[in-house]
C-alpha atoms as a PDB file:
ATOM      1  CA  MET A   1      -0.523  -0.303  -0.053  1.00  0.00           C
ATOM      2  CA  ALA A   2       1.574   3.279  -1.325  1.00  0.00           C
ATOM      3  CA  PRO A   3       1.693   6.353   1.759  1.00  0.00           C
ATOM      4  CA  PRO A   4      -0.798   8.545   1.613  1.00  0.00           C
ATOM      5  CA  ASN A   5       1.665  11.806   0.888  1.00  0.00           C
ATOM      6  CA  ASN A   6       4.345  10.726  -1.044  1.00  0.00           C
ATOM      7  CA  GLN A   7       5.174  14.080  -0.869  1.00  0.00           C
ATOM      8  CA  THR A   8       6.044  13.768   2.906  1.00  0.00           C
ATOM      9  CA  CYS A   9       7.375  10.605   3.177  1.00  0.00           C
ATOM     10  CA  VAL A  10      10.542   9.952   3.774  1.00  0.00           C
ATOM     11  CA  SER A  11      12.533   8.380   0.763  1.00  0.00           C
ATOM     12  CA  PRO A  12      13.860   5.319   0.363  1.00  0.00           C
ATOM     13  CA  MET A  13      11.229   4.164   2.705  1.00  0.00           C
ATOM     14  CA  ILE A  14      11.945   2.001   5.275  1.00  0.00           C
ATOM     15  CA  PRO A  15      11.287   0.226   8.422  1.00  0.00           C
ATOM     16  CA  LEU A  16      10.476   2.666  11.397  1.00  0.00           C
ATOM     17  CA  SER A  17      10.509   1.367  15.082  1.00  0.00           C
ATOM     18  CA  VAL A  18      10.811   2.761  18.456  1.00  0.00           C
ATOM     19  CA  LEU A  19      13.526   2.507  21.372  1.00  0.00           C
ATOM     20  CA  ASP A  20      11.898   2.867  24.845  1.00  0.00           C
ATOM     21  CA  LEU A  21      14.208   3.997  27.624  1.00  0.00           C
ATOM     22  CA  ALA A  22      11.387   4.328  29.765  1.00  0.00           C
ATOM     23  CA  PRO A  23      12.848   7.541  31.303  1.00  0.00           C
ATOM     24  CA  ILE A  24      12.064   8.099  35.355  1.00  0.00           C
ATOM     25  CA  THR A  25      11.738  12.134  34.989  1.00  0.00           C
ATOM     26  CA  GLU A  26      12.490  14.798  37.557  1.00  0.00           C
ATOM     27  CA  GLY A  27      10.053  14.401  40.280  1.00  0.00           C
ATOM     28  CA  SER A  28       7.616  11.051  39.325  1.00  0.00           C
ATOM     29  CA  ASP A  29       8.779   7.683  39.642  1.00  0.00           C
ATOM     30  CA  ALA A  30       9.230   4.433  37.994  1.00  0.00           C
ATOM     31  CA  THR A  31       5.207   3.325  38.295  1.00  0.00           C
ATOM     32  CA  ALA A  32       4.749   6.753  36.077  1.00  0.00           C
ATOM     33  CA  ALA A  33       7.134   5.782  33.654  1.00  0.00           C
ATOM     34  CA  PHE A  34       6.399   2.459  33.285  1.00  0.00           C
ATOM     35  CA  ALA A  35       2.209   3.319  32.178  1.00  0.00           C
ATOM     36  CA  ASN A  36       4.091   5.755  30.579  1.00  0.00           C
ATOM     37  CA  THR A  37       5.704   3.168  28.421  1.00  0.00           C
ATOM     38  CA  VAL A  38       2.562   1.339  28.043  1.00  0.00           C
ATOM     39  CA  GLU A  39       0.368   4.197  27.019  1.00  0.00           C
ATOM     40  CA  LEU A  40       3.827   5.308  24.217  1.00  0.00           C
ATOM     41  CA  ALA A  41       3.990   1.289  22.993  1.00  0.00           C
ATOM     42  CA  ARG A  42      -0.035   1.311  22.279  1.00  0.00           C
ATOM     43  CA  HIS A  43       0.287   4.029  20.140  1.00  0.00           C
ATOM     44  CA  ALA A  44       2.952   3.370  18.578  1.00  0.00           C
ATOM     45  CA  GLU A  45       1.591   0.387  17.715  1.00  0.00           C
ATOM     46  CA  ALA A  46      -1.376   2.699  16.171  1.00  0.00           C
ATOM     47  CA  LEU A  47       0.798   4.458  14.362  1.00  0.00           C
ATOM     48  CA  GLY A  48       2.784   1.441  12.250  1.00  0.00           C
ATOM     49  CA  PHE A  49       6.276   1.627  13.607  1.00  0.00           C
ATOM     50  CA  GLU A  50       7.348  -2.340  13.463  1.00  0.00           C
ATOM     51  CA  ARG A  51       8.629  -3.162  16.787  1.00  0.00           C
ATOM     52  CA  TYR A  52       9.565  -1.412  19.991  1.00  0.00           C
ATOM     53  CA  TRP A  53      12.088  -2.107  22.632  1.00  0.00           C
ATOM     54  CA  LEU A  54      13.904  -1.727  25.716  1.00  0.00           C
ATOM     55  CA  ALA A  55      17.076  -1.271  26.694  1.00  0.00           C
ATOM     56  CA  GLU A  56      18.858  -2.624  30.091  1.00  0.00           C
ATOM     57  CA  HIS A  57      20.478  -0.651  32.141  1.00  0.00           C
ATOM     58  CA  HIS A  58      21.103  -0.190  35.857  1.00  0.00           C
ATOM     59  CA  ASN A  59      21.846   2.516  38.422  1.00  0.00           C
ATOM     60  CA  MET A  60      21.147   4.974  36.405  1.00  0.00           C
ATOM     61  CA  PRO A  61      17.947   7.291  38.032  1.00  0.00           C
ATOM     62  CA  GLY A  62      16.462   8.165  35.157  1.00  0.00           C
ATOM     63  CA  ILE A  63      15.985   4.674  33.317  1.00  0.00           C
ATOM     64  CA  ALA A  64      13.706   2.469  34.679  1.00  0.00           C
ATOM     65  CA  SER A  65      13.928  -0.653  32.491  1.00  0.00           C
ATOM     66  CA  ALA A  66      16.474  -2.348  34.588  1.00  0.00           C
ATOM     67  CA  ALA A  67      13.928  -5.015  34.510  1.00  0.00           C
ATOM     68  CA  THR A  68      13.829  -5.383  30.437  1.00  0.00           C
ATOM     69  CA  ALA A  69      12.328  -9.137  30.259  1.00  0.00           C
ATOM     70  CA  VAL A  70       9.881  -7.896  33.043  1.00  0.00           C
ATOM     71  CA  VAL A  71       9.429  -4.538  31.278  1.00  0.00           C
ATOM     72  CA  MET A  72       8.879  -6.870  27.968  1.00  0.00           C
ATOM     73  CA  GLY A  73       6.157  -8.670  29.545  1.00  0.00           C
ATOM     74  CA  HIS A  74       4.046  -5.521  30.487  1.00  0.00           C
ATOM     75  CA  VAL A  75       4.132  -4.149  27.334  1.00  0.00           C
ATOM     76  CA  ALA A  76       3.306  -6.915  25.233  1.00  0.00           C
ATOM     77  CA  GLY A  77       0.641  -7.599  27.257  1.00  0.00           C
ATOM     78  CA  ALA A  78      -0.711  -4.203  26.623  1.00  0.00           C
ATOM     79  CA  THR A  79      -0.449  -4.826  22.750  1.00  0.00           C
ATOM     80  CA  ARG A  80      -1.310  -6.929  20.729  1.00  0.00           C
ATOM     81  CA  ARG A  81       0.436  -6.927  17.279  1.00  0.00           C
ATOM     82  CA  ILE A  82       3.679  -5.184  17.564  1.00  0.00           C
ATOM     83  CA  ARG A  83       7.048  -7.173  17.861  1.00  0.00           C
ATOM     84  CA  VAL A  84       7.894  -6.086  21.320  1.00  0.00           C
ATOM     85  CA  GLY A  85      11.966  -6.709  22.118  1.00  0.00           C
ATOM     86  CA  ALA A  86      15.483  -6.216  24.232  1.00  0.00           C
ATOM     87  CA  GLY A  87      17.435  -3.316  22.387  1.00  0.00           C
ATOM     88  CA  GLY A  88      19.213  -4.880  24.577  1.00  0.00           C
ATOM     89  CA  ILE A  89      20.418  -8.106  26.922  1.00  0.00           C
ATOM     90  CA  MET A  90      23.411  -7.105  28.145  1.00  0.00           C
ATOM     91  CA  LEU A  91      24.302 -11.028  28.458  1.00  0.00           C
ATOM     92  CA  PRO A  92      27.700 -10.443  30.813  1.00  0.00           C
ATOM     93  CA  ASN A  93      25.498  -9.148  33.432  1.00  0.00           C
ATOM     94  CA  HIS A  94      23.422 -13.429  33.096  1.00  0.00           C
ATOM     95  CA  ALA A  95      23.872 -16.751  33.095  1.00  0.00           C
ATOM     96  CA  PRO A  96      23.116 -17.697  29.335  1.00  0.00           C
ATOM     97  CA  LEU A  97      20.596 -20.056  30.769  1.00  0.00           C
ATOM     98  CA  VAL A  98      18.831 -17.394  32.554  1.00  0.00           C
ATOM     99  CA  ILE A  99      17.717 -15.522  29.107  1.00  0.00           C
ATOM    100  CA  ALA A 100      16.541 -19.005  27.510  1.00  0.00           C
ATOM    101  CA  GLU A 101      14.273 -19.209  30.167  1.00  0.00           C
ATOM    102  CA  GLN A 102      13.266 -15.351  30.476  1.00  0.00           C
ATOM    103  CA  PHE A 103      13.075 -15.119  26.972  1.00  0.00           C
ATOM    104  CA  GLY A 104      10.803 -18.303  25.874  1.00  0.00           C
ATOM    105  CA  THR A 105       8.758 -17.655  29.014  1.00  0.00           C
ATOM    106  CA  LEU A 106       7.926 -14.427  26.890  1.00  0.00           C
ATOM    107  CA  GLU A 107       7.731 -16.200  23.637  1.00  0.00           C
ATOM    108  CA  ALA A 108       5.215 -19.139  25.238  1.00  0.00           C
ATOM    109  CA  LEU A 109       3.408 -16.000  26.227  1.00  0.00           C
ATOM    110  CA  TYR A 110       3.476 -13.850  23.355  1.00  0.00           C
ATOM    111  CA  PRO A 111       4.139 -16.136  20.378  1.00  0.00           C
ATOM    112  CA  GLY A 112       6.145 -14.455  17.353  1.00  0.00           C
ATOM    113  CA  ARG A 113       6.577 -10.887  18.692  1.00  0.00           C
ATOM    114  CA  ILE A 114       9.084 -11.532  20.871  1.00  0.00           C
ATOM    115  CA  GLU A 115      13.043 -10.496  19.842  1.00  0.00           C
ATOM    116  CA  LEU A 116      16.669 -10.547  21.998  1.00  0.00           C
ATOM    117  CA  GLY A 117      19.065  -7.994  21.365  1.00  0.00           C
ATOM    118  CA  LEU A 118      22.390  -8.585  23.032  1.00  0.00           C
ATOM    119  CA  GLY A 119      25.493  -6.835  23.681  1.00  0.00           C
ATOM    120  CA  ARG A 120      28.270  -7.079  25.489  1.00  0.00           C
ATOM    121  CA  ALA A 121      28.578  -4.204  27.898  1.00  0.00           C
ATOM    122  CA  PRO A 122      27.816  -4.527  31.504  1.00  0.00           C
ATOM    123  CA  GLY A 123      25.251  -1.516  30.837  1.00  0.00           C
ATOM    124  CA  THR A 124      26.433   0.697  33.734  1.00  0.00           C
ATOM    125  CA  ASP A 125      29.419   1.129  36.291  1.00  0.00           C
ATOM    126  CA  GLN A 126      32.415  -1.428  37.407  1.00  0.00           C
ATOM    127  CA  ARG A 127      31.276  -1.154  40.948  1.00  0.00           C
ATOM    128  CA  THR A 128      27.394  -1.977  39.856  1.00  0.00           C
ATOM    129  CA  THR A 129      28.969  -4.923  37.834  1.00  0.00           C
ATOM    130  CA  GLN A 130      30.354  -6.202  40.636  1.00  0.00           C
ATOM    131  CA  ALA A 131      27.107  -6.021  42.403  1.00  0.00           C
ATOM    132  CA  LEU A 132      25.278  -7.871  39.436  1.00  0.00           C
ATOM    133  CA  ARG A 133      27.738 -10.389  39.089  1.00  0.00           C
ATOM    134  CA  ARG A 134      29.799 -10.412  41.560  1.00  0.00           C
ATOM    135  CA  ASN A 135      32.726 -13.747  39.605  1.00  0.00           C
ATOM    136  CA  LEU A 136      33.681 -11.390  36.477  1.00  0.00           C
ATOM    137  CA  GLN A 137      36.741 -13.418  35.884  1.00  0.00           C
ATOM    138  CA  GLY A 138      37.272 -11.164  32.010  1.00  0.00           C
ATOM    139  CA  ASP A 139      37.209 -12.915  29.870  1.00  0.00           C
ATOM    140  CA  THR A 140      37.585 -12.057  26.651  1.00  0.00           C
ATOM    141  CA  ASP A 141      36.480 -15.314  24.476  1.00  0.00           C
ATOM    142  CA  ALA A 142      32.647 -15.574  27.205  1.00  0.00           C
ATOM    143  CA  PHE A 143      30.363 -13.318  25.136  1.00  0.00           C
ATOM    144  CA  PRO A 144      30.493 -14.811  21.668  1.00  0.00           C
ATOM    145  CA  ARG A 145      30.516 -18.388  23.433  1.00  0.00           C
ATOM    146  CA  ASP A 146      27.657 -17.361  26.026  1.00  0.00           C
ATOM    147  CA  VAL A 147      25.223 -15.834  22.574  1.00  0.00           C
ATOM    148  CA  MET A 148      25.856 -19.357  20.839  1.00  0.00           C
ATOM    149  CA  GLU A 149      25.264 -21.413  24.143  1.00  0.00           C
ATOM    150  CA  LEU A 150      22.114 -19.090  24.420  1.00  0.00           C
ATOM    151  CA  GLN A 151      21.544 -19.705  20.488  1.00  0.00           C
ATOM    152  CA  ALA A 152      21.860 -23.849  21.377  1.00  0.00           C
ATOM    153  CA  TYR A 153      18.574 -23.390  24.561  1.00  0.00           C
ATOM    154  CA  PHE A 154      16.814 -21.739  21.543  1.00  0.00           C
ATOM    155  CA  ARG A 155      17.473 -24.629  19.628  1.00  0.00           C
ATOM    156  CA  LYS A 156      14.441 -27.199  19.132  1.00  0.00           C
ATOM    157  CA  THR A 157      16.521 -30.698  19.621  1.00  0.00           C
ATOM    158  CA  PRO A 158      15.501 -32.936  16.136  1.00  0.00           C
ATOM    159  CA  PRO A 159      13.855 -36.344  16.914  1.00  0.00           C
ATOM    160  CA  GLY A 160      15.997 -39.532  17.416  1.00  0.00           C
ATOM    161  CA  GLU A 161      19.250 -36.565  19.042  1.00  0.00           C
ATOM    162  CA  ASN A 162      20.002 -36.780  22.871  1.00  0.00           C
ATOM    163  CA  ARG A 163      18.241 -34.596  25.118  1.00  0.00           C
ATOM    164  CA  PRO A 164      21.053 -31.940  25.910  1.00  0.00           C
ATOM    165  CA  ALA A 165      21.621 -32.564  29.656  1.00  0.00           C
ATOM    166  CA  VAL A 166      20.596 -29.375  30.519  1.00  0.00           C
ATOM    167  CA  THR A 167      17.183 -27.936  28.430  1.00  0.00           C
ATOM    168  CA  ALA A 168      16.056 -24.320  28.970  1.00  0.00           C
ATOM    169  CA  VAL A 169      12.252 -24.622  30.101  1.00  0.00           C
ATOM    170  CA  PRO A 170      10.233 -22.634  28.554  1.00  0.00           C
ATOM    171  CA  GLY A 171      12.884 -21.223  26.272  1.00  0.00           C
ATOM    172  CA  ASP A 172      13.602 -25.435  24.603  1.00  0.00           C
ATOM    173  CA  GLY A 173      12.839 -24.961  20.451  1.00  0.00           C
ATOM    174  CA  ALA A 174      10.955 -20.927  20.799  1.00  0.00           C
ATOM    175  CA  GLU A 175      13.915 -19.678  17.886  1.00  0.00           C
ATOM    176  CA  VAL A 176      13.231 -16.767  19.719  1.00  0.00           C
ATOM    177  CA  PRO A 177      15.442 -14.065  17.241  1.00  0.00           C
ATOM    178  CA  LEU A 178      18.622 -13.097  17.979  1.00  0.00           C
ATOM    179  CA  TRP A 179      20.027  -9.629  17.107  1.00  0.00           C
ATOM    180  CA  ILE A 180      24.320  -8.685  18.497  1.00  0.00           C
ATOM    181  CA  LEU A 181      24.195  -5.256  18.986  1.00  0.00           C
ATOM    182  CA  GLY A 182      27.214  -2.443  19.794  1.00  0.00           C
ATOM    183  CA  SER A 183      28.734   0.884  19.777  1.00  0.00           C
ATOM    184  CA  SER A 184      32.076  -0.752  18.076  1.00  0.00           C
ATOM    185  CA  LEU A 185      34.323  -2.501  15.473  1.00  0.00           C
ATOM    186  CA  TYR A 186      33.390  -5.997  18.224  1.00  0.00           C
ATOM    187  CA  GLY A 187      29.440  -6.400  17.303  1.00  0.00           C
ATOM    188  CA  ALA A 188      29.913  -5.580  13.238  1.00  0.00           C
ATOM    189  CA  GLN A 189      32.099  -9.352  13.564  1.00  0.00           C
ATOM    190  CA  LEU A 190      31.065 -11.088  15.733  1.00  0.00           C
ATOM    191  CA  ALA A 191      27.196 -10.426  14.109  1.00  0.00           C
ATOM    192  CA  ALA A 192      28.737 -11.337  11.245  1.00  0.00           C
ATOM    193  CA  ALA A 193      30.470 -14.239  11.989  1.00  0.00           C
ATOM    194  CA  LEU A 194      27.430 -15.240  13.098  1.00  0.00           C
ATOM    195  CA  GLY A 195      24.925 -14.013  10.268  1.00  0.00           C
ATOM    196  CA  LEU A 196      22.125 -12.538  12.875  1.00  0.00           C
ATOM    197  CA  PRO A 197      21.201  -9.075  12.499  1.00  0.00           C
ATOM    198  CA  TYR A 198      22.981  -6.116  13.577  1.00  0.00           C
ATOM    199  CA  GLY A 199      21.756  -3.148  15.109  1.00  0.00           C
ATOM    200  CA  PHE A 200      24.424   0.229  16.176  1.00  0.00           C
ATOM    201  CA  ALA A 201      23.972   2.411  19.019  1.00  0.00           C
ATOM    202  CA  SER A 202      24.339   5.689  16.989  1.00  0.00           C
ATOM    203  CA  HIS A 203      21.784   7.256  19.097  1.00  0.00           C
ATOM    204  CA  PHE A 204      24.109   8.177  21.425  1.00  0.00           C
ATOM    205  CA  ALA A 205      27.678   6.293  20.137  1.00  0.00           C
ATOM    206  CA  PRO A 206      28.351   7.427  16.325  1.00  0.00           C
ATOM    207  CA  GLY A 207      31.722   7.933  16.117  1.00  0.00           C
ATOM    208  CA  ALA A 208      32.082   3.667  14.448  1.00  0.00           C
ATOM    209  CA  MET A 209      29.091   3.519  12.728  1.00  0.00           C
ATOM    210  CA  MET A 210      29.769   3.492   9.564  1.00  0.00           C
ATOM    211  CA  GLN A 211      32.953   0.913   9.867  1.00  0.00           C
ATOM    212  CA  ALA A 212      31.605  -0.946  11.803  1.00  0.00           C
ATOM    213  CA  ILE A 213      28.210  -1.061   8.701  1.00  0.00           C
ATOM    214  CA  ASP A 214      31.241  -1.908   6.274  1.00  0.00           C
ATOM    215  CA  ILE A 215      32.827  -4.520   8.149  1.00  0.00           C
ATOM    216  CA  TYR A 216      29.506  -6.067   8.903  1.00  0.00           C
ATOM    217  CA  ARG A 217      28.356  -6.040   5.533  1.00  0.00           C
ATOM    218  CA  THR A 218      31.456  -6.990   3.875  1.00  0.00           C
ATOM    219  CA  ARG A 219      32.161 -10.254   5.900  1.00  0.00           C
ATOM    220  CA  PHE A 220      28.840 -11.212   7.021  1.00  0.00           C
ATOM    221  CA  GLU A 221      27.667 -15.215   6.490  1.00  0.00           C
ATOM    222  CA  PRO A 222      24.672 -16.250   6.018  1.00  0.00           C
ATOM    223  CA  SER A 223      23.092 -18.216   8.500  1.00  0.00           C
ATOM    224  CA  ALA A 224      19.677 -20.013   9.339  1.00  0.00           C
ATOM    225  CA  GLN A 225      18.402 -17.077  11.252  1.00  0.00           C
ATOM    226  CA  LEU A 226      19.516 -14.160   8.115  1.00  0.00           C
ATOM    227  CA  ASP A 227      20.361 -15.207   4.712  1.00  0.00           C
ATOM    228  CA  LYS A 228      21.694 -11.864   3.929  1.00  0.00           C
ATOM    229  CA  PRO A 229      22.802  -8.059   6.283  1.00  0.00           C
ATOM    230  CA  TYR A 230      20.627  -6.376   8.111  1.00  0.00           C
ATOM    231  CA  VAL A 231      21.338  -3.462   9.773  1.00  0.00           C
ATOM    232  CA  LEU A 232      19.551  -1.732  12.687  1.00  0.00           C
ATOM    233  CA  LEU A 233      20.950   2.279  12.909  1.00  0.00           C
ATOM    234  CA  GLY A 234      19.469   4.668  16.227  1.00  0.00           C
ATOM    235  CA  PHE A 235      18.204   8.071  15.934  1.00  0.00           C
ATOM    236  CA  ASN A 236      17.263  11.013  17.941  1.00  0.00           C
ATOM    237  CA  ALA A 237      14.071  12.988  17.092  1.00  0.00           C
ATOM    238  CA  PHE A 238      13.067  15.412  18.906  1.00  0.00           C
ATOM    239  CA  ALA A 239       9.209  16.167  16.435  1.00  0.00           C
ATOM    240  CA  ALA A 240       7.238  19.085  17.224  1.00  0.00           C
ATOM    241  CA  ASP A 241       5.131  21.759  15.136  1.00  0.00           C
ATOM    242  CA  ASP A 242       8.302  24.298  15.049  1.00  0.00           C
ATOM    243  CA  ASP A 243      11.816  23.872  15.079  1.00  0.00           C
ATOM    244  CA  ALA A 244      12.458  26.086  18.205  1.00  0.00           C
ATOM    245  CA  THR A 245       9.954  23.662  20.240  1.00  0.00           C
ATOM    246  CA  GLY A 246      11.870  20.802  19.000  1.00  0.00           C
ATOM    247  CA  VAL A 247      15.236  22.066  19.934  1.00  0.00           C
ATOM    248  CA  PHE A 248      13.383  23.548  23.320  1.00  0.00           C
ATOM    249  CA  LEU A 249      12.744  19.465  23.626  1.00  0.00           C
ATOM    250  CA  LYS A 250      16.341  17.973  22.638  1.00  0.00           C
ATOM    251  CA  SER A 251      17.855  20.004  26.019  1.00  0.00           C
ATOM    252  CA  SER A 252      16.445  17.269  28.326  1.00  0.00           C
ATOM    253  CA  ALA A 253      18.501  14.490  26.509  1.00  0.00           C
ATOM    254  CA  GLN A 254      21.078  17.010  26.213  1.00  0.00           C
ATOM    255  CA  GLN A 255      21.181  17.414  30.160  1.00  0.00           C
ATOM    256  CA  SER A 256      21.021  14.183  30.502  1.00  0.00           C
ATOM    257  CA  PHE A 257      24.147  12.998  28.303  1.00  0.00           C
ATOM    258  CA  LEU A 258      25.349  16.880  30.221  1.00  0.00           C
ATOM    259  CA  ASN A 259      24.974  14.819  33.451  1.00  0.00           C
ATOM    260  CA  LEU A 260      25.971  11.049  32.900  1.00  0.00           C
ATOM    261  CA  ARG A 261      29.639  12.105  31.131  1.00  0.00           C
ATOM    262  CA  GLN A 262      30.332  14.636  34.523  1.00  0.00           C
ATOM    263  CA  GLY A 263      29.652  11.303  36.108  1.00  0.00           C
ATOM    264  CA  LYS A 264      26.044  13.474  38.211  1.00  0.00           C
ATOM    265  CA  ALA A 265      23.428  10.735  36.556  1.00  0.00           C
ATOM    266  CA  ALA A 266      19.999  11.687  37.423  1.00  0.00           C
ATOM    267  CA  GLN A 267      16.604  11.633  36.521  1.00  0.00           C
ATOM    268  CA  LEU A 268      15.819  12.958  33.353  1.00  0.00           C
ATOM    269  CA  PRO A 269      15.441  16.714  33.221  1.00  0.00           C
ATOM    270  CA  PRO A 270      12.916  19.427  32.263  1.00  0.00           C
ATOM    271  CA  PRO A 271      13.788  21.685  28.935  1.00  0.00           C
ATOM    272  CA  VAL A 272      15.503  24.685  28.934  1.00  0.00           C
ATOM    273  CA  ALA A 273      15.287  27.280  26.691  1.00  0.00           C
ATOM    274  CA  ASP A 274      18.219  28.568  24.941  1.00  0.00           C
ATOM    275  CA  PHE A 275      20.503  25.440  26.404  1.00  0.00           C
ATOM    276  CA  GLU A 276      23.311  25.273  24.111  1.00  0.00           C
ATOM    277  CA  ALA A 277      24.023  29.066  24.505  1.00  0.00           C
ATOM    278  CA  SER A 278      24.912  28.250  28.136  1.00  0.00           C
ATOM    279  CA  LEU A 279      27.299  25.575  27.239  1.00  0.00           C
ATOM    280  CA  GLU A 280      31.441  25.656  27.044  1.00  0.00           C
ATOM    281  CA  PRO A 281      32.807  24.892  23.979  1.00  0.00           C
ATOM    282  CA  ALA A 282      34.263  21.369  25.150  1.00  0.00           C
ATOM    283  CA  ALA A 283      30.609  20.849  26.415  1.00  0.00           C
ATOM    284  CA  ARG A 284      29.345  22.041  23.388  1.00  0.00           C
ATOM    285  CA  ALA A 285      31.276  20.043  21.303  1.00  0.00           C
ATOM    286  CA  MET A 286      30.565  16.864  23.504  1.00  0.00           C
ATOM    287  CA  LEU A 287      26.993  16.941  23.027  1.00  0.00           C
ATOM    288  CA  ASP A 288      27.012  17.424  19.264  1.00  0.00           C
ATOM    289  CA  ASP A 289      29.260  13.958  19.112  1.00  0.00           C
ATOM    290  CA  VAL A 290      27.338  12.353  20.897  1.00  0.00           C
ATOM    291  CA  LEU A 291      24.171  13.311  19.721  1.00  0.00           C
ATOM    292  CA  ALA A 292      25.207  12.964  15.575  1.00  0.00           C
ATOM    293  CA  CYS A 293      22.958  11.367  14.180  1.00  0.00           C
ATOM    294  CA  SER A 294      20.277  13.484  15.766  1.00  0.00           C
ATOM    295  CA  ALA A 295      16.736  16.067  14.563  1.00  0.00           C
ATOM    296  CA  ALA A 296      15.455  18.296  16.241  1.00  0.00           C
ATOM    297  CA  GLY A 297      12.407  20.352  14.560  1.00  0.00           C
ATOM    298  CA  SER A 298       9.390  20.564  11.983  1.00  0.00           C
ATOM    299  CA  SER A 299       8.450  17.424  10.426  1.00  0.00           C
ATOM    300  CA  ALA A 300      10.242  19.287   7.468  1.00  0.00           C
ATOM    301  CA  THR A 301      13.316  19.593   9.260  1.00  0.00           C
ATOM    302  CA  ILE A 302      13.173  15.660  11.204  1.00  0.00           C
ATOM    303  CA  LYS A 303      12.202  14.462   7.580  1.00  0.00           C
ATOM    304  CA  ALA A 304      15.064  16.007   6.052  1.00  0.00           C
ATOM    305  CA  GLY A 305      17.822  14.688   8.680  1.00  0.00           C
ATOM    306  CA  LEU A 306      15.917  11.494   8.567  1.00  0.00           C
ATOM    307  CA  GLU A 307      16.097  10.687   4.337  1.00  0.00           C
ATOM    308  CA  ASP A 308      20.205  12.345   4.780  1.00  0.00           C
ATOM    309  CA  PHE A 309      20.281   9.719   7.822  1.00  0.00           C
ATOM    310  CA  ILE A 310      18.933   6.909   5.619  1.00  0.00           C
ATOM    311  CA  LYS A 311      20.751   7.827   2.218  1.00  0.00           C
ATOM    312  CA  ARG A 312      24.168   7.921   4.109  1.00  0.00           C
ATOM    313  CA  THR A 313      24.759   4.744   6.315  1.00  0.00           C
ATOM    314  CA  GLU A 314      21.603   2.626   3.874  1.00  0.00           C
ATOM    315  CA  ALA A 315      19.934   1.359   6.917  1.00  0.00           C
ATOM    316  CA  ASP A 316      17.399  -1.298   6.687  1.00  0.00           C
ATOM    317  CA  GLU A 317      16.138   0.109   9.257  1.00  0.00           C
ATOM    318  CA  VAL A 318      15.833   3.153  11.502  1.00  0.00           C
ATOM    319  CA  MET A 319      15.124   3.351  15.684  1.00  0.00           C
ATOM    320  CA  ILE A 320      13.869   5.971  16.810  1.00  0.00           C
ATOM    321  CA  CYS A 321      14.232   7.824  20.109  1.00  0.00           C
ATOM    322  CA  GLY A 322      12.941  10.260  21.568  1.00  0.00           C
ATOM    323  CA  HIS A 323      14.155  11.292  25.182  1.00  0.00           C
ATOM    324  CA  ILE A 324      11.535  13.343  25.917  1.00  0.00           C
ATOM    325  CA  PHE A 325      10.361  14.883  29.517  1.00  0.00           C
ATOM    326  CA  ASP A 326       6.925  15.760  28.443  1.00  0.00           C
ATOM    327  CA  HIS A 327       5.072  12.750  27.992  1.00  0.00           C
ATOM    328  CA  ALA A 328       2.828  14.319  25.731  1.00  0.00           C
ATOM    329  CA  ALA A 329       5.046  16.344  23.499  1.00  0.00           C
ATOM    330  CA  ARG A 330       6.778  12.624  23.436  1.00  0.00           C
ATOM    331  CA  LEU A 331       3.712  11.218  21.763  1.00  0.00           C
ATOM    332  CA  HIS A 332       3.163  13.840  19.658  1.00  0.00           C
ATOM    333  CA  SER A 333       6.595  13.582  18.746  1.00  0.00           C
ATOM    334  CA  TYR A 334       6.240  10.101  17.168  1.00  0.00           C
ATOM    335  CA  SER A 335       3.074  10.863  15.607  1.00  0.00           C
ATOM    336  CA  ILE A 336       4.715  13.160  13.727  1.00  0.00           C
ATOM    337  CA  VAL A 337       7.584  10.915  12.779  1.00  0.00           C
ATOM    338  CA  ALA A 338       5.045   7.862  11.900  1.00  0.00           C
ATOM    339  CA  GLU A 339       3.376  11.020   8.771  1.00  0.00           C
ATOM    340  CA  LEU A 340       6.276  11.584   7.644  1.00  0.00           C
ATOM    341  CA  ALA A 341       7.197   8.224   7.121  1.00  0.00           C
ATOM    342  CA  GLY A 342       3.739   7.358   5.433  1.00  0.00           C
ATOM    343  CA  LEU A 343       3.826   4.596   8.803  1.00  0.00           C
ATOM    344  CA  THR A 344      -0.107   2.796   8.098  1.00  0.00           C
ATOM    345  CA  ALA A 345      -1.857   2.746  10.918  1.00  0.00           C
ATOM    346  CA  SER A 346      -2.966  -0.643  12.293  1.00  0.00           C
END
């Protein structure tokens, strides 16, 4: 079906999805964050977004999705069609069997809708990493081994073969789609070697994006899950009715990144007018680098930014992150993106 107005649509047309960090806004709490997440997921589904992912972070006062599988179940239960995934699970924090059981359970509850993106970073600081998994040994080969162990748990034992000594129940035979996520060249190499789809964290760490994409596509080996490379990229969109409002909304995310870099992680702050004008040159340069894959402003501005990003990267799919303080403004931002991209309401 053709988009309702080809003149306003991102070209070439590719799937768009949602990355939700379940923000806890200043003065609010996790209960409100989860209520907002459910409303945004339903909104995204109605607008026609492809998938809805949540990310594992720990010891972050402004992000509520630490128990990612639990929140995913909440979202999947409140929606009916949209694919729900982890973007991602930080596998070094967990035993692969536990993740297989968690996501096998989710797949049993919501068949055909669950996805599992896997990251190698702990998603937190070193002290919290130790609290999450106290017996870390610094084994550089552990991540690819853990990924393959997880694949084995999801693979159905063929008839006639002996059942493995350890089986994930639920999980055995679930065949939950796996993705490799990353912000460096390592993940690109592993995703290519295993023949898995690859998601790059360009929404906050874009530095190695183009090189990682090239490595992944050049070295890709087909697998039972995927026959050709598939690249998903993160992109920040702060869409509003005019450019000034979009830039204003973006300032919450800018403050959040600045606080994090200064070791002052906090709840997502409200936007500030003319925030960039108050910054020292070094701080502005850091934010320009971190948020290089972003657009803030009216529909025309977002459209131009997205089109340029897609043309430059030849992405197969873009995941939109809208880290916006006001929930109504966040819903409106995704509505604008869906309209300019010609998404089809479900």
